[in-house]
Amino acid sequence: MGLFSEKLMYRILLHFPIVIVTFALALLVTPYDPNSGIRGLANQIVSIRAAQRLPSRGISSLYGTWGGSDAAVIELRENYVMDVERGVAYHYRVLDEFRYRDGGNACLIEVYDIKPGSNLRRFMYLARNSGGLNYFGYSSWEDYEYGKASASISLSRRMLE
């Protein structure tokens, strides 16, 4: 008789499939949210996230006038973001900053008191890529969490400053 008795081994072998099936069902029942429940725990363990949380260096590299093919679209400064087409500036707050392994950086900002018809959205994810800026606008926090952008565009730096 070794470390485990025969009776204990049978018990372990009998319950092992039950534990696996229960875990699999729990994964299926858990709503798809990358930060909660069993799926959130798995994502933290495996660290699936593309952006790494690193010390803040500010978002000053994103400051400037950004536009599309022929016209400026937004102007981002320290205290305001401007909808250039409408000529209206809005205050914003930086909610999160990201630095990517490839050297790019991004930020998530909340824009206050947006007027109807504005090109800006309440939550804006701005990501710097090689020579450009990717803009993703979300009307609500829930839209941001579920990745449902109501506006997205690739912008380039404009020399209108």
Protein backbone atom coordinates (compact mmCIF):
# COMPACT_ATOMS: atom_id res chain seq x y z
CA MET A 1 0.00 0.00 0.00
CA GLY A 2 1.59 3.22 -1.20
CA LEU A 3 0.79 6.84 -0.70
CA PHE A 4 -2.74 6.53 -2.10
CA SER A 5 -5.14 3.80 -1.28
CA GLU A 6 -7.09 2.10 -4.08
CA LYS A 7 -10.32 3.57 -2.81
CA LEU A 8 -8.92 7.11 -2.95
CA MET A 9 -7.59 6.59 -6.49
CA TYR A 10 -11.02 5.41 -7.68
CA ARG A 11 -12.61 8.45 -6.06
CA ILE A 12 -10.18 10.82 -7.80
CA LEU A 13 -10.66 9.14 -11.18
CA LEU A 14 -14.44 9.19 -10.76
CA HIS A 15 -14.61 12.92 -9.92
CA PHE A 16 -12.04 14.18 -12.43
CA PRO A 17 -14.44 14.20 -15.45
CA ILE A 18 -17.11 15.91 -13.36
CA VAL A 19 -14.69 18.72 -12.45
CA ILE A 20 -13.59 19.18 -16.09
CA VAL A 21 -17.17 19.27 -17.41
CA THR A 22 -18.19 21.75 -14.69
CA PHE A 23 -15.27 24.05 -15.55
CA ALA A 24 -16.11 23.89 -19.28
CA LEU A 25 -19.77 24.74 -18.61
CA ALA A 26 -18.72 27.64 -16.40
CA LEU A 27 -16.66 29.04 -19.30
CA LEU A 28 -19.66 28.78 -21.61
CA VAL A 29 -22.03 30.43 -19.16
CA THR A 30 -19.70 33.31 -18.28
CA PRO A 31 -20.58 36.41 -20.37
CA TYR A 32 -17.86 37.47 -22.76
CA ASP A 33 -16.17 40.21 -20.84
CA PRO A 34 -12.38 40.02 -20.90
CA ASN A 35 -12.05 41.37 -17.36
CA SER A 36 -14.60 39.45 -15.32
CA GLY A 37 -15.36 35.95 -14.14
CA ILE A 38 -13.35 32.92 -15.12
CA ARG A 39 -12.49 34.42 -18.50
CA GLY A 40 -11.00 37.50 -16.79
CA LEU A 41 -8.90 35.30 -14.55
CA ALA A 42 -7.69 33.32 -17.57
CA ASN A 43 -6.82 36.53 -19.44
CA GLN A 44 -4.80 37.80 -16.48
CA ILE A 45 -2.93 34.51 -16.20
CA VAL A 46 -2.19 34.24 -19.91
CA SER A 47 -1.90 38.04 -20.30
CA ILE A 48 -3.66 38.32 -23.63
CA ARG A 49 -3.88 42.10 -23.63
CA ALA A 50 -2.02 43.84 -26.44
CA ALA A 51 -1.25 47.00 -24.48
CA GLN A 52 1.04 46.89 -21.53
CA ARG A 53 0.40 49.04 -18.48
CA LEU A 54 3.62 50.98 -18.10
CA PRO A 55 4.54 54.19 -16.28
CA SER A 56 2.84 57.23 -17.77
CA ARG A 57 4.82 59.46 -20.11
CA GLY A 58 1.89 61.74 -20.85
CA ILE A 59 0.02 62.09 -24.09
CA SER A 60 1.91 65.13 -25.38
CA SER A 61 3.13 63.13 -28.41
CA LEU A 62 -0.53 63.00 -29.53
CA TYR A 63 -0.93 66.79 -29.35
CA GLY A 64 -1.38 68.58 -32.64
CA THR A 65 -3.76 69.03 -35.52
CA TRP A 66 -4.86 65.80 -37.15
CA GLY A 67 -6.76 65.47 -40.40
CA GLY A 68 -7.90 63.36 -43.29
CA SER A 69 -7.23 63.80 -46.98
CA ASP A 70 -7.74 67.56 -47.35
CA ALA A 71 -9.00 68.97 -44.07
CA ALA A 72 -8.20 69.05 -40.39
CA VAL A 73 -10.56 66.97 -38.24
CA ILE A 74 -9.40 67.32 -34.64
CA GLU A 75 -6.92 69.38 -32.73
CA LEU A 76 -5.65 67.91 -29.46
CA ARG A 77 -3.99 70.14 -26.88
CA GLU A 78 -3.25 69.94 -23.17
CA ASN A 79 -6.54 71.42 -22.01
CA TYR A 80 -8.91 70.84 -24.91
CA VAL A 81 -9.78 68.83 -27.98
CA MET A 82 -11.30 70.76 -30.87
CA ASP A 83 -13.76 69.63 -33.50
CA VAL A 84 -12.09 71.71 -36.24
CA GLU A 85 -14.93 71.35 -38.75
CA ARG A 86 -17.47 72.77 -36.27
CA GLY A 87 -15.00 75.18 -34.66
CA VAL A 88 -15.90 74.07 -31.12
CA ALA A 89 -13.42 73.15 -28.39
CA TYR A 90 -14.23 70.74 -25.56
CA HIS A 91 -12.53 69.94 -22.28
CA TYR A 92 -11.46 66.34 -21.77
CA ARG A 93 -10.03 64.06 -19.12
CA VAL A 94 -7.48 61.30 -19.76
CA LEU A 95 -8.93 58.03 -18.46
CA ASP A 96 -6.10 55.69 -19.43
CA GLU A 97 -2.77 55.69 -21.25
CA PHE A 98 -1.15 52.81 -23.10
CA ARG A 99 2.28 52.09 -24.51
CA TYR A 100 2.68 49.27 -26.98
CA ARG A 101 5.67 46.98 -27.34
CA ASP A 102 6.35 48.33 -30.85
CA GLY A 103 6.84 51.86 -29.45
CA GLY A 104 3.40 53.27 -30.23
CA ASN A 105 1.26 54.92 -27.61
CA ALA A 106 -2.43 55.54 -27.11
CA CYS A 107 -4.88 57.13 -24.72
CA LEU A 108 -8.52 56.91 -23.81
CA ILE A 109 -10.15 60.27 -23.09
CA GLU A 110 -13.59 61.36 -21.96
CA VAL A 111 -14.87 64.50 -23.69
CA TYR A 112 -17.29 66.75 -21.78
CA ASP A 113 -20.45 68.56 -22.97
CA ILE A 114 -20.38 67.54 -26.62
CA LYS A 115 -22.83 69.50 -28.76
CA PRO A 116 -25.23 67.65 -31.10
CA GLY A 117 -23.80 67.17 -34.60
CA SER A 118 -20.18 67.11 -33.41
CA ASN A 119 -17.65 64.83 -35.09
CA LEU A 120 -16.29 63.91 -31.64
CA ARG A 121 -17.67 61.24 -29.33
CA ARG A 122 -17.93 61.12 -25.55
CA PHE A 123 -15.15 58.53 -25.26
CA MET A 124 -12.25 58.67 -27.69
CA TYR A 125 -9.48 56.11 -28.08
CA LEU A 126 -6.54 57.73 -29.87
CA ALA A 127 -3.68 55.45 -30.93
CA ARG A 128 -0.47 56.70 -32.51
CA ASN A 129 0.86 54.52 -35.28
CA SER A 130 3.72 55.04 -37.72
CA GLY A 131 3.13 58.62 -38.80
CA GLY A 132 -0.59 58.69 -38.09
CA LEU A 133 -3.32 58.60 -35.50
CA ASN A 134 -6.15 56.08 -35.31
CA TYR A 135 -9.32 57.60 -33.85
CA PHE A 136 -12.09 55.43 -32.42
CA GLY A 137 -15.12 57.23 -31.00
CA TYR A 138 -17.60 55.66 -28.58
CA SER A 139 -20.92 57.21 -27.59
CA SER A 140 -21.04 55.50 -24.18
CA TRP A 141 -18.85 53.58 -21.78
CA GLU A 142 -20.74 50.38 -22.59
CA ASP A 143 -19.96 50.85 -26.30
CA TYR A 144 -16.26 51.20 -25.42
CA GLU A 145 -16.29 48.07 -23.26
CA TYR A 146 -17.91 46.03 -26.03
CA GLY A 147 -15.79 47.55 -28.82
CA LYS A 148 -18.73 49.15 -30.65
CA ALA A 149 -17.15 52.26 -32.13
CA SER A 150 -19.60 54.72 -33.67
CA ALA A 151 -16.75 56.54 -35.43
CA SER A 152 -13.33 55.40 -36.60
CA ILE A 153 -10.84 57.03 -38.91
CA SER A 154 -7.11 57.09 -39.58
CA LEU A 155 -5.71 60.60 -39.42
CA SER A 156 -2.38 62.18 -40.32
CA ARG A 157 -0.66 65.15 -38.71
CA ARG A 158 -1.57 68.40 -40.41
CA MET A 159 0.80 71.33 -40.73
CA LEU A 160 -1.88 73.83 -39.85
CA GLU A 161 -0.45 74.66 -36.45
